[in-house]
N, C-alpha and C. Protein backbone atom coordinates (compact mmCIF):
# COMPACT_ATOMS: atom_id res chain seq x y z
N UNK A 1 0.82 -1.20 0.00
CA UNK A 1 0.00 0.00 0.00
C UNK A 1 0.86 1.25 0.00
N UNK A 2 2.09 1.12 0.44
CA UNK A 2 2.96 2.30 0.47
C UNK A 2 3.18 2.89 -0.91
N UNK A 3 3.34 2.06 -1.93
CA UNK A 3 3.53 2.56 -3.29
C UNK A 3 2.28 3.26 -3.80
N UNK A 4 1.12 2.77 -3.43
CA UNK A 4 -0.13 3.43 -3.81
C UNK A 4 -0.25 4.78 -3.13
N UNK A 5 0.21 4.87 -1.88
CA UNK A 5 0.20 6.16 -1.18
C UNK A 5 1.13 7.17 -1.85
N UNK A 6 2.27 6.71 -2.33
CA UNK A 6 3.19 7.58 -3.06
C UNK A 6 2.51 8.11 -4.32
N UNK A 7 1.80 7.23 -5.03
CA UNK A 7 1.07 7.65 -6.23
C UNK A 7 -0.01 8.67 -5.88
N UNK A 8 -0.70 8.48 -4.77
CA UNK A 8 -1.73 9.42 -4.34
C UNK A 8 -1.12 10.79 -4.06
N UNK A 9 0.06 10.81 -3.44
CA UNK A 9 0.73 12.08 -3.17
C UNK A 9 1.14 12.76 -4.48
N UNK A 10 1.56 11.99 -5.47
CA UNK A 10 1.89 12.56 -6.79
C UNK A 10 0.65 13.20 -7.40
N UNK A 11 -0.47 12.51 -7.31
CA UNK A 11 -1.72 13.05 -7.85
C UNK A 11 -2.06 14.38 -7.19
N UNK A 12 -1.98 14.43 -5.88
CA UNK A 12 -2.29 15.67 -5.15
C UNK A 12 -1.39 16.81 -5.59
N UNK A 13 -0.11 16.53 -5.76
CA UNK A 13 0.83 17.56 -6.19
C UNK A 13 0.50 18.11 -7.57
N UNK A 14 -0.19 17.30 -8.37
CA UNK A 14 -0.58 17.72 -9.73
C UNK A 14 -2.00 18.29 -9.78
N UNK A 15 -2.64 18.40 -8.62
CA UNK A 15 -3.99 18.92 -8.58
C UNK A 15 -5.07 17.90 -8.89
N UNK A 16 -4.70 16.65 -8.92
CA UNK A 16 -5.65 15.57 -9.15
C UNK A 16 -6.17 15.07 -7.80
N UNK A 17 -7.38 14.52 -7.79
CA UNK A 17 -7.86 13.88 -6.57
C UNK A 17 -6.85 12.80 -6.22
N UNK A 18 -6.33 12.82 -4.99
CA UNK A 18 -5.21 11.94 -4.63
C UNK A 18 -5.58 10.49 -4.39
N UNK A 19 -5.69 9.77 -5.49
CA UNK A 19 -5.92 8.33 -5.44
C UNK A 19 -4.77 7.68 -6.18
N UNK A 20 -4.17 6.69 -5.55
CA UNK A 20 -3.09 5.93 -6.16
C UNK A 20 -3.45 4.46 -6.23
N UNK A 21 -2.95 3.80 -7.26
CA UNK A 21 -3.22 2.37 -7.44
C UNK A 21 -1.96 1.67 -7.92
N UNK A 22 -1.77 0.46 -7.43
CA UNK A 22 -0.62 -0.37 -7.79
C UNK A 22 -1.14 -1.77 -8.06
N UNK A 23 -0.62 -2.39 -9.11
CA UNK A 23 -0.90 -3.80 -9.38
C UNK A 23 0.40 -4.56 -9.14
N UNK A 24 0.32 -5.58 -8.32
CA UNK A 24 1.51 -6.36 -7.98
C UNK A 24 1.22 -7.85 -8.09
N UNK A 25 2.27 -8.58 -8.40
CA UNK A 25 2.24 -10.04 -8.33
C UNK A 25 3.33 -10.41 -7.33
N UNK A 26 2.89 -10.90 -6.19
CA UNK A 26 3.85 -11.13 -5.11
C UNK A 26 4.45 -9.79 -4.71
N UNK A 27 5.77 -9.72 -4.68
CA UNK A 27 6.47 -8.49 -4.32
C UNK A 27 6.77 -7.62 -5.54
N UNK A 28 6.48 -8.11 -6.73
CA UNK A 28 6.80 -7.38 -7.96
C UNK A 28 5.68 -6.44 -8.36
N UNK A 29 5.98 -5.16 -8.42
CA UNK A 29 5.02 -4.17 -8.90
C UNK A 29 5.06 -4.19 -10.42
N UNK A 30 3.90 -4.44 -11.04
CA UNK A 30 3.84 -4.46 -12.51
C UNK A 30 3.22 -3.20 -13.08
N UNK A 31 2.53 -2.42 -12.25
CA UNK A 31 1.95 -1.15 -12.70
C UNK A 31 1.69 -0.27 -11.49
N UNK A 32 1.87 1.03 -11.68
CA UNK A 32 1.69 1.99 -10.59
C UNK A 32 1.21 3.30 -11.20
N UNK A 33 0.00 3.74 -10.82
CA UNK A 33 -0.57 4.94 -11.43
C UNK A 33 -1.36 5.76 -10.40
N UNK A 34 -1.69 6.97 -10.80
CA UNK A 34 -2.54 7.84 -10.00
C UNK A 34 -3.61 8.44 -10.91
N UNK A 35 -4.59 9.09 -10.32
CA UNK A 35 -5.64 9.73 -11.10
C UNK A 35 -5.05 10.72 -12.09
N UNK A 36 -5.63 10.77 -13.29
CA UNK A 36 -5.18 11.71 -14.32
C UNK A 36 -6.36 12.35 -15.05
N UNK A 37 -7.50 12.44 -14.40
CA UNK A 37 -8.68 12.99 -15.06
C UNK A 37 -8.50 14.45 -15.44
N UNK A 38 -7.94 15.24 -14.56
CA UNK A 38 -7.75 16.67 -14.86
C UNK A 38 -6.74 16.87 -15.98
N UNK A 39 -5.66 16.15 -15.94
CA UNK A 39 -4.59 16.30 -16.93
C UNK A 39 -5.01 15.86 -18.32
N UNK A 40 -5.88 14.86 -18.38
CA UNK A 40 -6.23 14.28 -19.67
C UNK A 40 -7.65 14.62 -20.13
N UNK A 41 -8.44 15.25 -19.26
CA UNK A 41 -9.86 15.49 -19.55
C UNK A 41 -10.57 14.20 -19.92
N UNK A 42 -10.15 13.12 -19.30
CA UNK A 42 -10.71 11.79 -19.56
C UNK A 42 -11.43 11.32 -18.29
N UNK A 43 -12.75 11.20 -18.35
CA UNK A 43 -13.48 10.78 -17.14
C UNK A 43 -13.15 9.37 -16.68
N UNK A 44 -12.52 8.57 -17.53
CA UNK A 44 -12.17 7.20 -17.13
C UNK A 44 -10.73 7.09 -16.62
N UNK A 45 -10.02 8.19 -16.53
CA UNK A 45 -8.61 8.14 -16.14
C UNK A 45 -8.44 8.06 -14.62
N UNK A 46 -9.14 7.10 -14.01
CA UNK A 46 -8.98 6.81 -12.59
C UNK A 46 -7.72 5.98 -12.41
N UNK A 47 -7.11 6.09 -11.26
CA UNK A 47 -5.87 5.37 -10.98
C UNK A 47 -6.00 3.87 -11.24
N UNK A 48 -7.12 3.29 -10.82
CA UNK A 48 -7.30 1.85 -10.96
C UNK A 48 -7.35 1.43 -12.43
N UNK A 49 -8.11 2.16 -13.22
CA UNK A 49 -8.25 1.85 -14.64
C UNK A 49 -6.88 1.90 -15.32
N UNK A 50 -6.15 2.99 -15.05
CA UNK A 50 -4.83 3.16 -15.67
C UNK A 50 -3.86 2.06 -15.24
N UNK A 51 -3.89 1.72 -13.95
CA UNK A 51 -2.99 0.67 -13.45
C UNK A 51 -3.35 -0.69 -14.04
N UNK A 52 -4.64 -0.99 -14.14
CA UNK A 52 -5.05 -2.27 -14.72
C UNK A 52 -4.65 -2.35 -16.19
N UNK A 53 -4.82 -1.26 -16.93
CA UNK A 53 -4.40 -1.24 -18.35
C UNK A 53 -2.90 -1.49 -18.47
N UNK A 54 -2.13 -0.77 -17.66
CA UNK A 54 -0.67 -0.93 -17.71
C UNK A 54 -0.25 -2.35 -17.33
N UNK A 55 -0.91 -2.91 -16.32
CA UNK A 55 -0.56 -4.27 -15.89
C UNK A 55 -0.85 -5.27 -17.00
N UNK A 56 -1.99 -5.13 -17.66
CA UNK A 56 -2.33 -6.04 -18.75
C UNK A 56 -1.31 -5.94 -19.88
N UNK A 57 -0.89 -4.72 -20.18
CA UNK A 57 0.13 -4.52 -21.22
C UNK A 57 1.45 -5.15 -20.80
N UNK A 58 1.85 -4.90 -19.57
CA UNK A 58 3.12 -5.43 -19.06
C UNK A 58 3.13 -6.96 -19.05
N UNK A 59 2.01 -7.55 -18.69
CA UNK A 59 1.93 -9.01 -18.56
C UNK A 59 1.52 -9.70 -19.85
N UNK A 60 1.03 -8.92 -20.80
CA UNK A 60 0.62 -9.51 -22.07
C UNK A 60 -0.66 -10.30 -22.01
N UNK A 61 -1.51 -9.98 -21.05
CA UNK A 61 -2.80 -10.67 -20.91
C UNK A 61 -3.76 -9.78 -20.14
N UNK A 62 -5.03 -9.89 -20.47
CA UNK A 62 -6.04 -9.15 -19.72
C UNK A 62 -6.45 -9.88 -18.45
N UNK A 63 -6.11 -11.14 -18.35
CA UNK A 63 -6.46 -11.93 -17.16
C UNK A 63 -5.40 -11.71 -16.08
N UNK A 64 -5.80 -11.01 -15.05
CA UNK A 64 -4.86 -10.65 -13.98
C UNK A 64 -5.14 -11.45 -12.71
N UNK A 65 -5.49 -12.71 -12.88
CA UNK A 65 -5.90 -13.54 -11.75
C UNK A 65 -4.81 -13.81 -10.72
N UNK A 66 -3.57 -13.61 -11.09
CA UNK A 66 -2.46 -13.82 -10.14
C UNK A 66 -2.05 -12.52 -9.45
N UNK A 67 -2.70 -11.42 -9.81
CA UNK A 67 -2.29 -10.09 -9.34
C UNK A 67 -3.19 -9.56 -8.22
N UNK A 68 -2.64 -8.58 -7.51
CA UNK A 68 -3.38 -7.84 -6.49
C UNK A 68 -3.40 -6.37 -6.87
N UNK A 69 -4.57 -5.76 -6.79
CA UNK A 69 -4.72 -4.33 -7.00
C UNK A 69 -4.78 -3.67 -5.63
N UNK A 70 -3.82 -2.79 -5.36
CA UNK A 70 -3.81 -1.99 -4.13
C UNK A 70 -4.26 -0.59 -4.51
N UNK A 71 -5.24 -0.05 -3.80
CA UNK A 71 -5.74 1.30 -4.11
C UNK A 71 -6.04 2.03 -2.82
N UNK A 72 -5.74 3.31 -2.81
CA UNK A 72 -5.87 4.10 -1.58
C UNK A 72 -7.30 4.42 -1.20
N UNK A 73 -8.21 4.43 -2.19
CA UNK A 73 -9.63 4.72 -1.95
C UNK A 73 -10.46 3.57 -2.52
N UNK A 74 -11.47 3.17 -1.81
CA UNK A 74 -12.36 2.12 -2.29
C UNK A 74 -12.83 2.44 -3.71
N UNK A 75 -12.73 1.50 -4.62
CA UNK A 75 -13.10 1.75 -6.01
C UNK A 75 -14.57 2.11 -6.21
N UNK A 76 -14.79 2.97 -7.20
CA UNK A 76 -16.14 3.35 -7.64
C UNK A 76 -16.73 2.23 -8.49
N UNK A 77 -17.98 2.35 -8.95
CA UNK A 77 -18.56 1.28 -9.77
C UNK A 77 -17.76 0.97 -11.04
N UNK A 78 -17.26 2.01 -11.72
CA UNK A 78 -16.48 1.78 -12.94
C UNK A 78 -15.22 0.98 -12.63
N UNK A 79 -14.51 1.37 -11.60
CA UNK A 79 -13.24 0.71 -11.27
C UNK A 79 -13.45 -0.68 -10.68
N UNK A 80 -14.50 -0.85 -9.89
CA UNK A 80 -14.82 -2.18 -9.38
C UNK A 80 -15.18 -3.09 -10.55
N UNK A 81 -15.90 -2.55 -11.52
CA UNK A 81 -16.24 -3.33 -12.71
C UNK A 81 -15.01 -3.70 -13.52
N UNK A 82 -14.07 -2.77 -13.63
CA UNK A 82 -12.83 -3.06 -14.35
C UNK A 82 -12.02 -4.12 -13.63
N UNK A 83 -11.98 -4.06 -12.30
CA UNK A 83 -11.28 -5.09 -11.53
C UNK A 83 -11.94 -6.44 -11.75
N UNK A 84 -13.26 -6.46 -11.74
CA UNK A 84 -13.99 -7.69 -12.00
C UNK A 84 -13.68 -8.21 -13.40
N UNK A 85 -13.71 -7.32 -14.40
CA UNK A 85 -13.48 -7.73 -15.79
C UNK A 85 -12.07 -8.25 -16.01
N UNK A 86 -11.12 -7.77 -15.23
CA UNK A 86 -9.73 -8.21 -15.36
C UNK A 86 -9.49 -9.55 -14.67
N UNK A 87 -10.47 -10.02 -13.93
CA UNK A 87 -10.35 -11.23 -13.14
C UNK A 87 -9.22 -11.12 -12.11
N UNK A 88 -9.02 -9.89 -11.63
CA UNK A 88 -7.95 -9.63 -10.65
C UNK A 88 -8.09 -10.62 -9.49
N UNK A 89 -6.98 -11.09 -9.00
CA UNK A 89 -6.99 -12.07 -7.93
C UNK A 89 -7.43 -11.51 -6.59
N UNK A 90 -7.11 -10.24 -6.36
CA UNK A 90 -7.42 -9.63 -5.06
C UNK A 90 -7.41 -8.12 -5.21
N UNK A 91 -8.27 -7.46 -4.44
CA UNK A 91 -8.26 -6.00 -4.34
C UNK A 91 -8.07 -5.63 -2.88
N UNK A 92 -7.14 -4.72 -2.64
CA UNK A 92 -6.88 -4.21 -1.29
C UNK A 92 -7.09 -2.71 -1.34
N UNK A 93 -8.02 -2.19 -0.54
CA UNK A 93 -8.23 -0.75 -0.54
C UNK A 93 -8.10 -0.17 0.86
N UNK A 94 -7.74 1.12 0.89
CA UNK A 94 -7.48 1.79 2.15
C UNK A 94 -8.68 2.49 2.75
N UNK A 95 -9.01 3.69 2.26
CA UNK A 95 -10.09 4.50 2.81
C UNK A 95 -11.42 4.14 2.16
N UNK A 96 -12.49 4.10 2.96
CA UNK A 96 -13.80 3.84 2.37
C UNK A 96 -14.24 5.03 1.52
N UNK A 97 -15.11 4.76 0.57
CA UNK A 97 -15.63 5.77 -0.34
C UNK A 97 -17.14 5.86 -0.12
N UNK A 98 -17.58 6.71 0.82
CA UNK A 98 -19.01 6.76 1.14
C UNK A 98 -19.87 7.31 0.00
N UNK A 99 -19.26 7.99 -0.97
CA UNK A 99 -20.02 8.57 -2.08
C UNK A 99 -20.23 7.59 -3.23
N UNK A 100 -19.26 6.70 -3.45
CA UNK A 100 -19.36 5.82 -4.63
C UNK A 100 -18.72 4.46 -4.42
N UNK A 101 -18.43 4.08 -3.20
CA UNK A 101 -17.74 2.83 -2.92
C UNK A 101 -18.50 1.62 -3.41
N UNK A 102 -17.81 0.80 -4.19
CA UNK A 102 -18.48 -0.34 -4.81
C UNK A 102 -17.84 -1.68 -4.50
N UNK A 103 -16.97 -1.69 -3.49
CA UNK A 103 -16.44 -2.96 -3.00
C UNK A 103 -16.62 -3.03 -1.48
N UNK A 104 -17.81 -2.61 -1.02
CA UNK A 104 -18.13 -2.74 0.38
C UNK A 104 -18.99 -1.65 0.98
N UNK A 105 -18.79 -0.40 0.62
CA UNK A 105 -19.51 0.69 1.28
C UNK A 105 -20.95 0.85 0.79
N UNK A 106 -21.14 1.21 -0.47
CA UNK A 106 -22.49 1.35 -1.02
C UNK A 106 -22.96 0.07 -1.69
N UNK A 107 -22.07 -0.53 -2.42
CA UNK A 107 -22.33 -1.77 -3.15
C UNK A 107 -21.17 -2.71 -2.89
N UNK A 108 -21.33 -3.94 -3.32
CA UNK A 108 -20.19 -4.85 -3.29
C UNK A 108 -20.24 -5.70 -4.56
N UNK A 109 -19.78 -5.09 -5.65
CA UNK A 109 -19.78 -5.79 -6.93
C UNK A 109 -18.91 -7.03 -6.90
N UNK A 110 -17.96 -7.06 -6.00
CA UNK A 110 -17.05 -8.19 -5.94
C UNK A 110 -17.62 -9.43 -5.29
N UNK A 111 -18.77 -9.30 -4.66
CA UNK A 111 -19.34 -10.48 -4.00
C UNK A 111 -20.75 -10.79 -4.48
N UNK A 112 -21.09 -10.34 -5.66
CA UNK A 112 -22.41 -10.62 -6.21
C UNK A 112 -22.38 -12.00 -6.88
N UNK A 113 -23.06 -12.98 -6.31
CA UNK A 113 -23.00 -14.34 -6.87
C UNK A 113 -23.63 -14.46 -8.25
N UNK A 114 -24.35 -13.43 -8.69
CA UNK A 114 -24.94 -13.47 -10.03
C UNK A 114 -23.89 -13.23 -11.11
N UNK A 115 -22.74 -12.66 -10.73
CA UNK A 115 -21.65 -12.45 -11.68
C UNK A 115 -20.81 -13.72 -11.76
N UNK A 116 -20.09 -13.88 -12.86
CA UNK A 116 -19.33 -15.11 -13.06
C UNK A 116 -17.96 -15.11 -12.41
N UNK A 117 -17.65 -14.09 -11.64
CA UNK A 117 -16.36 -14.01 -10.95
C UNK A 117 -16.55 -13.17 -9.70
N UNK A 118 -16.06 -13.64 -8.59
CA UNK A 118 -16.11 -12.87 -7.35
C UNK A 118 -14.71 -12.44 -6.99
N UNK A 119 -14.61 -11.27 -6.36
CA UNK A 119 -13.31 -10.70 -5.99
C UNK A 119 -12.99 -10.97 -4.53
N UNK A 120 -11.75 -11.28 -4.28
CA UNK A 120 -11.24 -11.36 -2.92
C UNK A 120 -10.88 -9.92 -2.54
N UNK A 121 -11.55 -9.37 -1.55
CA UNK A 121 -11.37 -7.96 -1.18
C UNK A 121 -10.93 -7.85 0.27
N UNK A 122 -9.91 -7.03 0.49
CA UNK A 122 -9.46 -6.66 1.83
C UNK A 122 -9.58 -5.15 1.94
N UNK A 123 -10.21 -4.68 3.00
CA UNK A 123 -10.43 -3.24 3.11
C UNK A 123 -9.83 -2.68 4.39
N UNK A 124 -9.64 -1.37 4.40
CA UNK A 124 -9.16 -0.68 5.59
C UNK A 124 -7.65 -0.76 5.81
N UNK A 125 -6.89 -1.17 4.81
CA UNK A 125 -5.43 -1.26 4.95
C UNK A 125 -4.85 0.14 4.85
N UNK A 126 -4.15 0.56 5.89
CA UNK A 126 -3.58 1.92 5.97
C UNK A 126 -4.68 2.97 5.81
N UNK A 127 -5.84 2.66 6.36
CA UNK A 127 -7.03 3.52 6.21
C UNK A 127 -6.77 4.95 6.67
N UNK A 128 -6.13 5.12 7.79
CA UNK A 128 -5.88 6.47 8.32
C UNK A 128 -5.00 7.28 7.37
N UNK A 129 -3.90 6.70 6.93
CA UNK A 129 -2.98 7.40 6.02
C UNK A 129 -3.66 7.71 4.69
N UNK A 130 -4.43 6.77 4.16
CA UNK A 130 -5.12 6.98 2.89
C UNK A 130 -6.18 8.08 3.03
N UNK A 131 -6.91 8.05 4.11
CA UNK A 131 -7.92 9.06 4.36
C UNK A 131 -7.33 10.43 4.61
N UNK A 132 -6.19 10.48 5.29
CA UNK A 132 -5.54 11.77 5.57
C UNK A 132 -5.16 12.51 4.30
N UNK A 133 -4.65 11.79 3.31
CA UNK A 133 -4.27 12.43 2.04
C UNK A 133 -5.49 13.07 1.40
N UNK A 134 -6.60 12.37 1.39
CA UNK A 134 -7.83 12.90 0.80
C UNK A 134 -8.37 14.08 1.60
N UNK A 135 -8.41 13.96 2.93
CA UNK A 135 -8.92 15.05 3.76
C UNK A 135 -8.10 16.31 3.59
N UNK A 136 -6.79 16.17 3.58
CA UNK A 136 -5.90 17.32 3.42
C UNK A 136 -6.12 17.98 2.06
N UNK A 137 -6.20 17.18 1.01
CA UNK A 137 -6.40 17.70 -0.34
C UNK A 137 -7.68 18.52 -0.42
N UNK A 138 -8.77 17.95 0.06
CA UNK A 138 -10.06 18.64 -0.06
C UNK A 138 -10.17 19.83 0.89
N UNK A 139 -9.54 19.77 2.05
CA UNK A 139 -9.57 20.94 2.95
C UNK A 139 -8.78 22.10 2.34
N UNK A 140 -7.70 21.83 1.63
CA UNK A 140 -6.93 22.87 0.97
C UNK A 140 -7.71 23.46 -0.21
N UNK A 141 -8.45 22.64 -0.89
CA UNK A 141 -9.26 23.13 -2.04
C UNK A 141 -10.39 24.01 -1.57
N UNK A 142 -10.93 23.73 -0.40
CA UNK A 142 -12.06 24.50 0.12
C UNK A 142 -11.61 25.79 0.80
N UNK A 143 -10.32 25.87 1.12
CA UNK A 143 -9.82 27.05 1.85
C UNK A 143 -9.73 28.27 0.95
């Protein structure tokens, strides 16, 4: 989760909502990204989407069943859907997302038995540190 926190700090420094995502297989990081919606004017440029795309390119397959996605904020419906579509082996998220959380807070797309793949999800990892980056960013924007 530390690498995802570094990515979140990079995002904040660039004026992006500070969310960082890392895809790893074991100890090997295969992709590491942060939000880029402001920089690219792309509504899909969430950290998770970008990291999953990079991981698939790096590994040469869209099936990421051996990988873990670490993300500082609970994924939204789009990102939870992308994690599901990638067949990611595990998702680990830090701070809950009360506005759009889709792996535990509002919805849990990863545990819907009607879908053909369920996600192994761990939540609350480094929750305080992940939440602090977001709180600081938004308090500075409101000041």
